[in-house]
């Protein structure tokens, strides 16, 4: 649930600090989450082009 909110708010251009306040989380942990999933998505996209 939180992950969907995070991505929805980012799409709406809400800052990580504001999202952190809304979720009761540190903005750096939210940033780490976004980076982790960005790497996973890039790997999936690159693999789909290679195959």
Protein backbone atom coordinates (compact mmCIF):
# COMPACT_ATOMS: atom_id res chain seq x y z
CA UNK A 1 0.00 0.00 0.00
CA UNK A 2 2.73 2.50 0.95
CA UNK A 3 4.63 1.73 -2.23
CA UNK A 4 1.61 2.64 -4.36
CA UNK A 5 1.16 5.88 -2.44
CA UNK A 6 4.86 6.69 -2.85
CA UNK A 7 4.80 6.20 -6.61
CA UNK A 8 1.49 8.04 -6.98
CA UNK A 9 2.71 11.06 -5.05
CA UNK A 10 6.01 11.12 -6.93
CA UNK A 11 4.06 11.12 -10.17
CA UNK A 12 2.20 14.16 -8.81
CA UNK A 13 5.59 15.84 -8.10
CA UNK A 14 5.25 15.68 -4.29
CA UNK A 15 8.67 16.01 -2.62
CA UNK A 16 10.25 13.07 -0.80
CA UNK A 17 10.31 15.09 2.40
CA UNK A 18 6.56 15.69 2.17
CA UNK A 19 5.88 12.05 1.34
CA UNK A 20 8.02 11.08 4.32
CA UNK A 21 5.92 13.31 6.56
CA UNK A 22 2.71 11.79 5.22
CA UNK A 23 3.94 8.22 5.71
CA UNK A 24 5.92 8.76 8.89
CA UNK A 25 9.14 7.64 7.19
CA UNK A 26 12.53 9.23 6.65
CA UNK A 27 12.91 10.75 3.19
CA UNK A 28 16.24 8.96 2.66
CA UNK A 29 14.62 5.53 3.03
CA UNK A 30 12.05 6.57 0.42
CA UNK A 31 14.85 7.69 -1.89
CA UNK A 32 16.59 4.33 -1.41
CA UNK A 33 13.36 2.51 -2.28
CA UNK A 34 12.96 4.50 -5.49
CA UNK A 35 16.58 3.86 -6.49
CA UNK A 36 16.29 0.12 -5.82
CA UNK A 37 13.21 -0.22 -7.97
CA UNK A 38 14.65 1.95 -10.74
CA UNK A 39 17.62 -0.42 -11.03
CA UNK A 40 15.30 -3.44 -11.15
CA UNK A 41 13.15 -1.84 -13.85
CA UNK A 42 16.22 -0.95 -15.93
CA UNK A 43 17.51 -4.52 -15.72
CA UNK A 44 14.15 -5.88 -16.85
CA UNK A 45 14.00 -3.44 -19.76
CA UNK A 46 17.59 -4.20 -20.82
CA UNK A 47 16.98 -7.95 -20.63
CA UNK A 48 13.86 -7.65 -22.77
CA UNK A 49 15.84 -5.86 -25.50
CA UNK A 50 18.67 -8.42 -25.40
CA UNK A 51 16.38 -11.42 -25.83
